[in-house]
Amino acid sequence: MTARFIQIVEVGPRDGLQNEKVVLDPEVRADLVTRLESAGARRIEAVSFVHPKYVPQMAAADRSRIGLVLNGKGYDRALGTSVDEVNIAMSATDGFGLKNQGLNVRAQLSMLAEILAGRQNSEGQPGTPKLSATVSCVWGCPFDGEVSVGQIADLVGEIAAMGVTEIALADTIGAGDPWAVNRKVEAARQAAPDATLRLHFHDTRNTGLANAYAGIEAGVDVLDASVGGIGGCPFAPGATGNIATEDLVYMLHRAGFETGYDLEALIATARWIGERIGRPAPSALSRAGGWPT
């Protein structure tokens, strides 16, 4: 029997570095991307197309593979680069949307509709990047509190109805638990049965890998992770790093899943980026290594 393949989207160069105090030169970030590709990464969210005033770590954003954008201006900027995919950031709540993008939920949906309308004549043409959407604060908002299953189902349904074929559900502040993951994944699947679901977990409260397990058991085959477990969100107080790519890969490989990653190369990259940001990477594998040794 062929082992089930789990695609891991590496977000360390974007979500990982954006919350670090040390601002790395573009050449160092490019080196990180190259090391991750050598370790097996095939989809890398490398940069945010936001104003450097707000996230200076993302300056010189024209060297990337996947670019995250917050609005139409960011999307237009992404089109002027060589990105293969544009990921539109959405928010499940008005509070986080206003803080992160200056847009409430309805305004974000209007923004997405405008972007999609502008793509109609170029969709599928060579050089046109693929498009996906990420919904943040799915399991809790630092400003509005709890987020209901109904809120997520309604929002995911509207996004899918516009024609977005991959939708990521993000636990931006690490508030989720495995049972809540099951409930919201199922609700999203019912609301968007033809869309690919992707999961993005932060390990703020030490539930990240448990939530990843729950998502995989619920049938999701695409997850985000950040090498070394670095990162967070500068607009969400207390939002520490993502689940670590090497920790997730270790768990999956031990269970018999395929990921396409070289675990030892990932561990080496996690330790390397820890040296560059001036602190040890917080992942367990960067400290303990793999097993068997």
C-alpha atoms as a PDB file:
ATOM      1  CA  MET A   1       0.000   0.000   0.000  1.00  0.00           C
ATOM      2  CA  THR A   2       1.285   3.463  -0.919  1.00  0.00           C
ATOM      3  CA  ALA A   3       1.867   5.665   2.095  1.00  0.00           C
ATOM      4  CA  ARG A   4      -0.404   8.678   2.405  1.00  0.00           C
ATOM      5  CA  PHE A   5       1.355  11.867   1.365  1.00  0.00           C
ATOM      6  CA  ILE A   6       0.997  14.972   3.518  1.00  0.00           C
ATOM      7  CA  GLN A   7       2.013  18.211   1.814  1.00  0.00           C
ATOM      8  CA  ILE A   8       3.747  20.640   4.152  1.00  0.00           C
ATOM      9  CA  VAL A   9       3.833  24.261   3.045  1.00  0.00           C
ATOM     10  CA  GLU A  10       6.931  25.872   4.541  1.00  0.00           C
ATOM     11  CA  VAL A  11       6.130  29.327   5.935  1.00  0.00           C
ATOM     12  CA  GLY A  12       9.304  30.024   7.912  1.00  0.00           C
ATOM     13  CA  PRO A  13      10.684  32.679   5.554  1.00  0.00           C
ATOM     14  CA  ARG A  14       7.410  34.626   5.860  1.00  0.00           C
ATOM     15  CA  ASP A  15       5.429  33.833   8.998  1.00  0.00           C
ATOM     16  CA  GLY A  16       8.574  32.718  10.774  1.00  0.00           C
ATOM     17  CA  LEU A  17      10.732  35.765  10.206  1.00  0.00           C
ATOM     18  CA  GLN A  18       8.042  38.449  10.349  1.00  0.00           C
ATOM     19  CA  ASN A  19       7.846  38.347  14.136  1.00  0.00           C
ATOM     20  CA  GLU A  20      11.575  38.214  14.842  1.00  0.00           C
ATOM     21  CA  LYS A  21      13.411  41.204  16.308  1.00  0.00           C
ATOM     22  CA  VAL A  22      16.379  40.669  14.002  1.00  0.00           C
ATOM     23  CA  VAL A  23      15.787  41.939  10.461  1.00  0.00           C
ATOM     24  CA  LEU A  24      17.722  39.683   8.117  1.00  0.00           C
ATOM     25  CA  ASP A  25      19.210  40.876   4.853  1.00  0.00           C
ATOM     26  CA  PRO A  26      17.386  39.717   1.705  1.00  0.00           C
ATOM     27  CA  GLU A  27      20.398  37.567   0.813  1.00  0.00           C
ATOM     28  CA  VAL A  28      20.121  35.658   4.098  1.00  0.00           C
ATOM     29  CA  ARG A  29      16.377  35.122   3.585  1.00  0.00           C
ATOM     30  CA  ALA A  30      17.082  33.897   0.067  1.00  0.00           C
ATOM     31  CA  ASP A  31      19.677  31.504   1.501  1.00  0.00           C
ATOM     32  CA  LEU A  32      17.033  30.194   3.908  1.00  0.00           C
ATOM     33  CA  VAL A  33      14.673  29.503   1.004  1.00  0.00           C
ATOM     34  CA  THR A  34      17.431  27.671  -0.867  1.00  0.00           C
ATOM     35  CA  ARG A  35      18.269  25.532   2.179  1.00  0.00           C
ATOM     36  CA  LEU A  36      14.597  24.675   2.648  1.00  0.00           C
ATOM     37  CA  GLU A  37      14.258  23.667  -0.983  1.00  0.00           C
ATOM     38  CA  SER A  38      17.324  21.440  -0.589  1.00  0.00           C
ATOM     39  CA  ALA A  39      15.618  19.873   2.443  1.00  0.00           C
ATOM     40  CA  GLY A  40      12.568  18.983   0.337  1.00  0.00           C
ATOM     41  CA  ALA A  41      10.256  22.006   0.528  1.00  0.00           C
ATOM     42  CA  ARG A  42       8.215  22.366  -2.655  1.00  0.00           C
ATOM     43  CA  ARG A  43       5.805  25.107  -1.604  1.00  0.00           C
ATOM     44  CA  ILE A  44       7.368  27.967   0.355  1.00  0.00           C
ATOM     45  CA  GLU A  45       5.496  31.024   1.546  1.00  0.00           C
ATOM     46  CA  ALA A  46       8.463  33.320   1.339  1.00  0.00           C
ATOM     47  CA  VAL A  47       7.203  36.843   1.865  1.00  0.00           C
ATOM     48  CA  SER A  48       4.373  39.244   2.683  1.00  0.00           C
ATOM     49  CA  PHE A  49       3.591  42.033   0.258  1.00  0.00           C
ATOM     50  CA  VAL A  50       2.947  44.624   2.923  1.00  0.00           C
ATOM     51  CA  HIS A  51       4.449  48.056   3.518  1.00  0.00           C
ATOM     52  CA  PRO A  52       7.918  47.692   5.087  1.00  0.00           C
ATOM     53  CA  LYS A  53       6.892  50.285   7.691  1.00  0.00           C
ATOM     54  CA  TYR A  54       4.612  47.697   9.268  1.00  0.00           C
ATOM     55  CA  VAL A  55       6.691  44.541   8.755  1.00  0.00           C
ATOM     56  CA  PRO A  56      10.277  45.597   7.997  1.00  0.00           C
ATOM     57  CA  GLN A  57      11.381  41.962   7.953  1.00  0.00           C
ATOM     58  CA  MET A  58       9.575  41.615   4.604  1.00  0.00           C
ATOM     59  CA  ALA A  59      11.355  44.429   2.777  1.00  0.00           C
ATOM     60  CA  ALA A  60      12.797  43.587  -0.680  1.00  0.00           C
ATOM     61  CA  ALA A  61       9.861  41.281  -1.255  1.00  0.00           C
ATOM     62  CA  ASP A  62      10.465  40.484  -4.880  1.00  0.00           C
ATOM     63  CA  ARG A  63      12.433  37.305  -4.134  1.00  0.00           C
ATOM     64  CA  SER A  64       9.877  34.649  -3.295  1.00  0.00           C
ATOM     65  CA  ARG A  65       7.849  31.617  -4.272  1.00  0.00           C
ATOM     66  CA  ILE A  66       4.494  32.210  -2.553  1.00  0.00           C
ATOM     67  CA  GLY A  67       3.548  35.724  -1.465  1.00  0.00           C
ATOM     68  CA  LEU A  68       0.984  36.625   1.194  1.00  0.00           C
ATOM     69  CA  VAL A  69      -1.019  39.781   0.497  1.00  0.00           C
ATOM     70  CA  LEU A  70      -3.409  41.750   2.688  1.00  0.00           C
ATOM     71  CA  ASN A  71      -5.172  43.891   0.096  1.00  0.00           C
ATOM     72  CA  GLY A  72      -5.448  44.853  -3.554  1.00  0.00           C
ATOM     73  CA  LYS A  73      -2.289  46.970  -3.471  1.00  0.00           C
ATOM     74  CA  GLY A  74      -0.327  44.027  -2.139  1.00  0.00           C
ATOM     75  CA  TYR A  75      -1.788  41.817  -4.852  1.00  0.00           C
ATOM     76  CA  ASP A  76      -0.782  44.286  -7.564  1.00  0.00           C
ATOM     77  CA  ARG A  77       2.715  44.418  -6.121  1.00  0.00           C
ATOM     78  CA  ALA A  78       2.909  40.617  -6.110  1.00  0.00           C
ATOM     79  CA  LEU A  79       2.001  40.527  -9.802  1.00  0.00           C
ATOM     80  CA  GLY A  80       5.130  42.528 -10.524  1.00  0.00           C
ATOM     81  CA  THR A  81       7.335  39.745  -9.152  1.00  0.00           C
ATOM     82  CA  SER A  82       8.061  36.122 -10.033  1.00  0.00           C
ATOM     83  CA  VAL A  83       5.844  34.536  -7.374  1.00  0.00           C
ATOM     84  CA  ASP A  84       4.115  31.332  -8.404  1.00  0.00           C
ATOM     85  CA  GLU A  85       1.207  31.742  -6.002  1.00  0.00           C
ATOM     86  CA  VAL A  86      -0.544  34.563  -4.163  1.00  0.00           C
ATOM     87  CA  ASN A  87      -2.153  33.837  -0.815  1.00  0.00           C
ATOM     88  CA  ILE A  88      -4.867  36.330   0.155  1.00  0.00           C
ATOM     89  CA  ALA A  89      -5.082  36.927   3.909  1.00  0.00           C
ATOM     90  CA  MET A  90      -8.598  37.107   5.310  1.00  0.00           C
ATOM     91  CA  SER A  91      -9.868  37.288   8.874  1.00  0.00           C
ATOM     92  CA  ALA A  92     -12.691  35.443  10.565  1.00  0.00           C
ATOM     93  CA  THR A  93     -13.399  38.434  12.803  1.00  0.00           C
ATOM     94  CA  ASP A  94     -13.889  42.173  12.434  1.00  0.00           C
ATOM     95  CA  GLY A  95     -11.537  42.917  15.312  1.00  0.00           C
ATOM     96  CA  PHE A  96      -8.507  41.213  13.817  1.00  0.00           C
ATOM     97  CA  GLY A  97      -9.362  42.306  10.283  1.00  0.00           C
ATOM     98  CA  LEU A  98      -9.441  45.951  11.307  1.00  0.00           C
ATOM     99  CA  LYS A  99      -6.192  45.650  13.261  1.00  0.00           C
ATOM    100  CA  ASN A 100      -4.337  43.607  10.640  1.00  0.00           C
ATOM    101  CA  GLN A 101      -5.665  45.091   7.399  1.00  0.00           C
ATOM    102  CA  GLY A 102      -7.898  48.002   8.265  1.00  0.00           C
ATOM    103  CA  LEU A 103     -10.874  46.048   6.868  1.00  0.00           C
ATOM    104  CA  ASN A 104     -13.774  44.294   8.553  1.00  0.00           C
ATOM    105  CA  VAL A 105     -14.948  40.904   7.304  1.00  0.00           C
ATOM    106  CA  ARG A 106     -17.424  42.277   4.743  1.00  0.00           C
ATOM    107  CA  ALA A 107     -14.825  44.689   3.389  1.00  0.00           C
ATOM    108  CA  GLN A 108     -12.316  41.851   3.087  1.00  0.00           C
ATOM    109  CA  LEU A 109     -14.786  39.818   1.057  1.00  0.00           C
ATOM    110  CA  SER A 110     -15.329  42.811  -1.218  1.00  0.00           C
ATOM    111  CA  MET A 111     -11.558  43.150  -1.585  1.00  0.00           C
ATOM    112  CA  LEU A 112     -11.283  39.477  -2.543  1.00  0.00           C
ATOM    113  CA  ALA A 113     -14.109  39.832  -5.052  1.00  0.00           C
ATOM    114  CA  GLU A 114     -12.323  42.776  -6.698  1.00  0.00           C
ATOM    115  CA  ILE A 115      -9.087  40.810  -6.972  1.00  0.00           C
ATOM    116  CA  LEU A 116     -10.870  37.832  -8.481  1.00  0.00           C
ATOM    117  CA  ALA A 117     -12.740  40.048 -10.937  1.00  0.00           C
ATOM    118  CA  GLY A 118      -9.441  41.472 -12.110  1.00  0.00           C
ATOM    119  CA  ARG A 119      -8.093  37.960 -12.715  1.00  0.00           C
ATOM    120  CA  GLN A 120     -10.916  36.850 -15.008  1.00  0.00           C
ATOM    121  CA  ASN A 121      -9.112  37.685 -18.244  1.00  0.00           C
ATOM    122  CA  SER A 122      -5.762  36.272 -17.127  1.00  0.00           C
ATOM    123  CA  GLU A 123      -6.822  33.145 -15.189  1.00  0.00           C
ATOM    124  CA  GLY A 124      -4.837  30.153 -16.359  1.00  0.00           C
ATOM    125  CA  GLN A 125      -2.558  32.135 -18.654  1.00  0.00           C
ATOM    126  CA  PRO A 126       1.222  31.633 -18.408  1.00  0.00           C
ATOM    127  CA  GLY A 127       2.740  33.856 -15.733  1.00  0.00           C
ATOM    128  CA  THR A 128      -0.486  34.299 -13.785  1.00  0.00           C
ATOM    129  CA  PRO A 129       0.128  33.118 -10.208  1.00  0.00           C
ATOM    130  CA  LYS A 130      -2.224  30.654  -8.561  1.00  0.00           C
ATOM    131  CA  LEU A 131      -4.462  32.068  -5.852  1.00  0.00           C
ATOM    132  CA  SER A 132      -5.378  30.753  -2.424  1.00  0.00           C
ATOM    133  CA  ALA A 133      -6.879  32.308   0.703  1.00  0.00           C
ATOM    134  CA  THR A 134      -6.028  32.018   4.385  1.00  0.00           C
ATOM    135  CA  VAL A 135      -8.644  32.696   7.062  1.00  0.00           C
ATOM    136  CA  SER A 136      -6.992  33.812  10.293  1.00  0.00           C
ATOM    137  CA  CYS A 137      -8.306  33.567  13.883  1.00  0.00           C
ATOM    138  CA  VAL A 138     -10.443  30.510  13.077  1.00  0.00           C
ATOM    139  CA  TRP A 139     -10.106  29.140  16.607  1.00  0.00           C
ATOM    140  CA  GLY A 140     -10.041  32.423  18.493  1.00  0.00           C
ATOM    141  CA  CYS A 141      -9.408  36.147  18.089  1.00  0.00           C
ATOM    142  CA  PRO A 142      -7.231  38.298  20.389  1.00  0.00           C
ATOM    143  CA  PHE A 143      -9.735  41.149  20.054  1.00  0.00           C
ATOM    144  CA  ASP A 144     -13.180  39.556  19.577  1.00  0.00           C
ATOM    145  CA  GLY A 145     -12.718  36.368  21.609  1.00  0.00           C
ATOM    146  CA  GLU A 146     -14.349  33.073  20.667  1.00  0.00           C
ATOM    147  CA  VAL A 147     -15.182  32.328  17.032  1.00  0.00           C
ATOM    148  CA  SER A 148     -18.167  30.097  16.324  1.00  0.00           C
ATOM    149  CA  VAL A 149     -18.389  27.165  13.948  1.00  0.00           C
ATOM    150  CA  GLY A 150     -21.125  29.039  12.094  1.00  0.00           C
ATOM    151  CA  GLN A 151     -18.877  32.051  11.502  1.00  0.00           C
ATOM    152  CA  ILE A 152     -16.268  29.831   9.866  1.00  0.00           C
ATOM    153  CA  ALA A 153     -18.753  27.857   7.789  1.00  0.00           C
ATOM    154  CA  ASP A 154     -20.367  31.030   6.453  1.00  0.00           C
ATOM    155  CA  LEU A 155     -17.066  32.719   5.608  1.00  0.00           C
ATOM    156  CA  VAL A 156     -15.493  29.651   3.997  1.00  0.00           C
ATOM    157  CA  GLY A 157     -18.658  29.097   1.986  1.00  0.00           C
ATOM    158  CA  GLU A 158     -18.563  32.654   0.635  1.00  0.00           C
ATOM    159  CA  ILE A 159     -14.879  32.415  -0.258  1.00  0.00           C
ATOM    160  CA  ALA A 160     -15.372  29.112  -2.066  1.00  0.00           C
ATOM    161  CA  ALA A 161     -18.423  30.449  -3.924  1.00  0.00           C
ATOM    162  CA  MET A 162     -16.181  33.151  -5.415  1.00  0.00           C
ATOM    163  CA  GLY A 163     -14.024  30.456  -6.975  1.00  0.00           C
ATOM    164  CA  VAL A 164     -11.100  30.109  -4.539  1.00  0.00           C
ATOM    165  CA  THR A 165     -10.027  26.467  -4.715  1.00  0.00           C
ATOM    166  CA  GLU A 166      -7.666  26.266  -1.716  1.00  0.00           C
ATOM    167  CA  ILE A 167      -8.632  27.740   1.657  1.00  0.00           C
ATOM    168  CA  ALA A 168      -6.376  27.650   4.695  1.00  0.00           C
ATOM    169  CA  LEU A 169      -7.797  27.717   8.216  1.00  0.00           C
ATOM    170  CA  ALA A 170      -5.347  29.416  10.583  1.00  0.00           C
ATOM    171  CA  ASP A 171      -5.107  29.268  14.365  1.00  0.00           C
ATOM    172  CA  THR A 172      -3.363  32.624  14.545  1.00  0.00           C
ATOM    173  CA  ILE A 173      -3.108  32.816  18.332  1.00  0.00           C
ATOM    174  CA  GLY A 174      -2.828  29.097  19.073  1.00  0.00           C
ATOM    175  CA  ALA A 175      -6.162  28.870  20.891  1.00  0.00           C
ATOM    176  CA  GLY A 176      -7.467  25.690  19.276  1.00  0.00           C
ATOM    177  CA  ASP A 177      -7.774  22.138  20.563  1.00  0.00           C
ATOM    178  CA  PRO A 178      -8.052  18.868  18.605  1.00  0.00           C
ATOM    179  CA  TRP A 179     -11.800  18.510  19.122  1.00  0.00           C
ATOM    180  CA  ALA A 180     -12.463  22.059  17.940  1.00  0.00           C
ATOM    181  CA  VAL A 181     -10.251  21.324  14.930  1.00  0.00           C
ATOM    182  CA  ASN A 182     -12.496  18.403  14.029  1.00  0.00           C
ATOM    183  CA  ARG A 183     -15.636  20.498  14.329  1.00  0.00           C
ATOM    184  CA  LYS A 184     -14.421  23.395  12.197  1.00  0.00           C
ATOM    185  CA  VAL A 185     -12.737  21.242   9.565  1.00  0.00           C
ATOM    186  CA  GLU A 186     -15.987  19.343   9.101  1.00  0.00           C
ATOM    187  CA  ALA A 187     -17.997  22.566   8.929  1.00  0.00           C
ATOM    188  CA  ALA A 188     -15.575  24.011   6.368  1.00  0.00           C
ATOM    189  CA  ARG A 189     -15.705  20.835   4.298  1.00  0.00           C
ATOM    190  CA  GLN A 190     -19.494  20.933   4.206  1.00  0.00           C
ATOM    191  CA  ALA A 191     -19.453  24.622   3.292  1.00  0.00           C
ATOM    192  CA  ALA A 192     -16.833  24.164   0.555  1.00  0.00           C
ATOM    193  CA  PRO A 193     -16.901  20.518  -0.552  1.00  0.00           C
ATOM    194  CA  ASP A 194     -14.881  21.143  -3.718  1.00  0.00           C
ATOM    195  CA  ALA A 195     -12.126  23.251  -2.126  1.00  0.00           C
ATOM    196  CA  THR A 196      -8.819  21.945  -0.821  1.00  0.00           C
ATOM    197  CA  LEU A 197      -8.531  22.665   2.898  1.00  0.00           C
ATOM    198  CA  ARG A 198      -5.184  23.605   4.384  1.00  0.00           C
ATOM    199  CA  LEU A 199      -4.385  24.039   8.080  1.00  0.00           C
ATOM    200  CA  HIS A 200      -2.066  26.548   9.735  1.00  0.00           C
ATOM    201  CA  PHE A 201      -1.395  26.037  13.445  1.00  0.00           C
ATOM    202  CA  HIS A 202       0.581  28.032  15.987  1.00  0.00           C
ATOM    203  CA  ASP A 203       1.979  26.277  19.041  1.00  0.00           C
ATOM    204  CA  THR A 204       1.326  29.140  21.446  1.00  0.00           C
ATOM    205  CA  ARG A 205      -0.326  26.915  24.050  1.00  0.00           C
ATOM    206  CA  ASN A 206       1.432  23.647  23.208  1.00  0.00           C
ATOM    207  CA  THR A 207      -1.466  22.156  21.222  1.00  0.00           C
ATOM    208  CA  GLY A 208      -0.032  22.649  17.729  1.00  0.00           C
ATOM    209  CA  LEU A 209       1.022  19.079  16.927  1.00  0.00           C
ATOM    210  CA  ALA A 210      -2.108  17.651  18.555  1.00  0.00           C
ATOM    211  CA  ASN A 211      -4.167  19.943  16.342  1.00  0.00           C
ATOM    212  CA  ALA A 212      -2.165  18.869  13.287  1.00  0.00           C
ATOM    213  CA  TYR A 213      -2.874  15.230  14.164  1.00  0.00           C
ATOM    214  CA  ALA A 214      -6.589  15.992  14.488  1.00  0.00           C
ATOM    215  CA  GLY A 215      -6.626  17.749  11.122  1.00  0.00           C
ATOM    216  CA  ILE A 216      -4.887  14.846   9.394  1.00  0.00           C
ATOM    217  CA  GLU A 217      -7.253  12.366  10.999  1.00  0.00           C
ATOM    218  CA  ALA A 218     -10.113  14.533   9.708  1.00  0.00           C
ATOM    219  CA  GLY A 219      -8.794  14.049   6.187  1.00  0.00           C
ATOM    220  CA  VAL A 220      -6.764  17.219   5.560  1.00  0.00           C
ATOM    221  CA  ASP A 221      -3.624  16.591   3.492  1.00  0.00           C
ATOM    222  CA  VAL A 222      -2.058  20.085   3.404  1.00  0.00           C
ATOM    223  CA  LEU A 223      -0.555  21.800   6.463  1.00  0.00           C
ATOM    224  CA  ASP A 224       1.644  24.834   7.028  1.00  0.00           C
ATOM    225  CA  ALA A 225       4.727  24.701   9.249  1.00  0.00           C
ATOM    226  CA  SER A 226       7.742  26.886  10.000  1.00  0.00           C
ATOM    227  CA  VAL A 227      11.305  25.603  10.194  1.00  0.00           C
ATOM    228  CA  GLY A 228      12.548  25.767  13.765  1.00  0.00           C
ATOM    229  CA  GLY A 229       9.081  26.718  15.011  1.00  0.00           C
ATOM    230  CA  ILE A 230      10.003  30.374  14.621  1.00  0.00           C
ATOM    231  CA  GLY A 231       7.489  33.132  14.042  1.00  0.00           C
ATOM    232  CA  GLY A 232       4.162  34.497  15.130  1.00  0.00           C
ATOM    233  CA  CYS A 233       2.024  37.446  14.188  1.00  0.00           C
ATOM    234  CA  PRO A 234       3.057  41.042  14.934  1.00  0.00           C
ATOM    235  CA  PHE A 235      -0.619  42.071  15.017  1.00  0.00           C
ATOM    236  CA  ALA A 236      -1.757  39.379  17.480  1.00  0.00           C
ATOM    237  CA  PRO A 237      -0.493  39.904  21.053  1.00  0.00           C
ATOM    238  CA  GLY A 238       1.156  36.787  22.443  1.00  0.00           C
ATOM    239  CA  ALA A 239       1.026  34.807  19.197  1.00  0.00           C
ATOM    240  CA  THR A 240       4.238  32.796  19.291  1.00  0.00           C
ATOM    241  CA  GLY A 241       5.651  30.521  16.641  1.00  0.00           C
ATOM    242  CA  ASN A 242       4.095  28.077  14.239  1.00  0.00           C
ATOM    243  CA  ILE A 243       4.404  24.348  14.631  1.00  0.00           C
ATOM    244  CA  ALA A 244       7.948  23.413  13.652  1.00  0.00           C
ATOM    245  CA  THR A 245       8.402  21.780  10.269  1.00  0.00           C
ATOM    246  CA  GLU A 246      10.937  19.274  11.579  1.00  0.00           C
ATOM    247  CA  ASP A 247       8.737  18.331  14.565  1.00  0.00           C
ATOM    248  CA  LEU A 248       5.775  17.732  12.260  1.00  0.00           C
ATOM    249  CA  VAL A 249       7.884  15.793   9.754  1.00  0.00           C
ATOM    250  CA  TYR A 250       9.292  13.596  12.530  1.00  0.00           C
ATOM    251  CA  MET A 251       5.810  12.763  13.823  1.00  0.00           C
ATOM    252  CA  LEU A 252       4.519  11.987  10.342  1.00  0.00           C
ATOM    253  CA  HIS A 253       7.514   9.892   9.292  1.00  0.00           C
ATOM    254  CA  ARG A 254       7.329   7.842  12.496  1.00  0.00           C
ATOM    255  CA  ALA A 255       3.671   7.178  11.718  1.00  0.00           C
ATOM    256  CA  GLY A 256       4.426   6.030   8.177  1.00  0.00           C
ATOM    257  CA  PHE A 257       3.330   9.098   6.199  1.00  0.00           C
ATOM    258  CA  GLU A 258       5.347  10.561   3.342  1.00  0.00           C
ATOM    259  CA  THR A 259       6.278  14.253   3.205  1.00  0.00           C
ATOM    260  CA  GLY A 260       9.162  14.511   0.738  1.00  0.00           C
ATOM    261  CA  TYR A 261      11.338  16.201   3.385  1.00  0.00           C
ATOM    262  CA  ASP A 262      14.825  15.247   4.576  1.00  0.00           C
ATOM    263  CA  LEU A 263      14.535  15.400   8.366  1.00  0.00           C
ATOM    264  CA  GLU A 264      18.250  15.817   9.087  1.00  0.00           C
ATOM    265  CA  ALA A 265      18.505  18.655   6.552  1.00  0.00           C
ATOM    266  CA  LEU A 266      15.541  20.360   8.222  1.00  0.00           C
ATOM    267  CA  ILE A 267      17.113  20.066  11.659  1.00  0.00           C
ATOM    268  CA  ALA A 268      20.348  21.547  10.320  1.00  0.00           C
ATOM    269  CA  THR A 269      18.411  24.412   8.736  1.00  0.00           C
ATOM    270  CA  ALA A 270      16.533  25.072  11.989  1.00  0.00           C
ATOM    271  CA  ARG A 271      19.802  25.323  13.884  1.00  0.00           C
ATOM    272  CA  TRP A 272      21.270  27.550  11.161  1.00  0.00           C
ATOM    273  CA  ILE A 273      18.363  30.016  11.231  1.00  0.00           C
ATOM    274  CA  GLY A 274      18.511  30.061  15.030  1.00  0.00           C
ATOM    275  CA  GLU A 275      22.090  31.319  14.774  1.00  0.00           C
ATOM    276  CA  ARG A 276      21.012  34.001  12.311  1.00  0.00           C
ATOM    277  CA  ILE A 277      18.187  35.345  14.478  1.00  0.00           C
ATOM    278  CA  GLY A 278      20.312  35.282  17.611  1.00  0.00           C
ATOM    279  CA  ARG A 279      18.430  32.687  19.615  1.00  0.00           C
ATOM    280  CA  PRO A 280      18.037  28.902  19.514  1.00  0.00           C
ATOM    281  CA  ALA A 281      15.131  27.767  17.363  1.00  0.00           C
ATOM    282  CA  PRO A 282      12.319  26.712  19.713  1.00  0.00           C
ATOM    283  CA  SER A 283      11.552  23.384  18.027  1.00  0.00           C
ATOM    284  CA  ALA A 284      12.006  20.131  19.939  1.00  0.00           C
ATOM    285  CA  LEU A 285      13.932  18.438  17.143  1.00  0.00           C
ATOM    286  CA  SER A 286      16.465  21.254  16.859  1.00  0.00           C
ATOM    287  CA  ARG A 287      17.372  20.474  20.472  1.00  0.00           C
ATOM    288  CA  ALA A 288      16.964  16.690  20.661  1.00  0.00           C
ATOM    289  CA  GLY A 289      17.577  15.619  17.068  1.00  0.00           C
ATOM    290  CA  GLY A 290      15.757  12.775  15.376  1.00  0.00           C
ATOM    291  CA  TRP A 291      15.447   9.177  16.466  1.00  0.00           C
ATOM    292  CA  PRO A 292      16.838   6.603  15.870  1.00  0.00           C
ATOM    293  CA  THR A 293      20.091   8.532  15.782  1.00  0.00           C
END
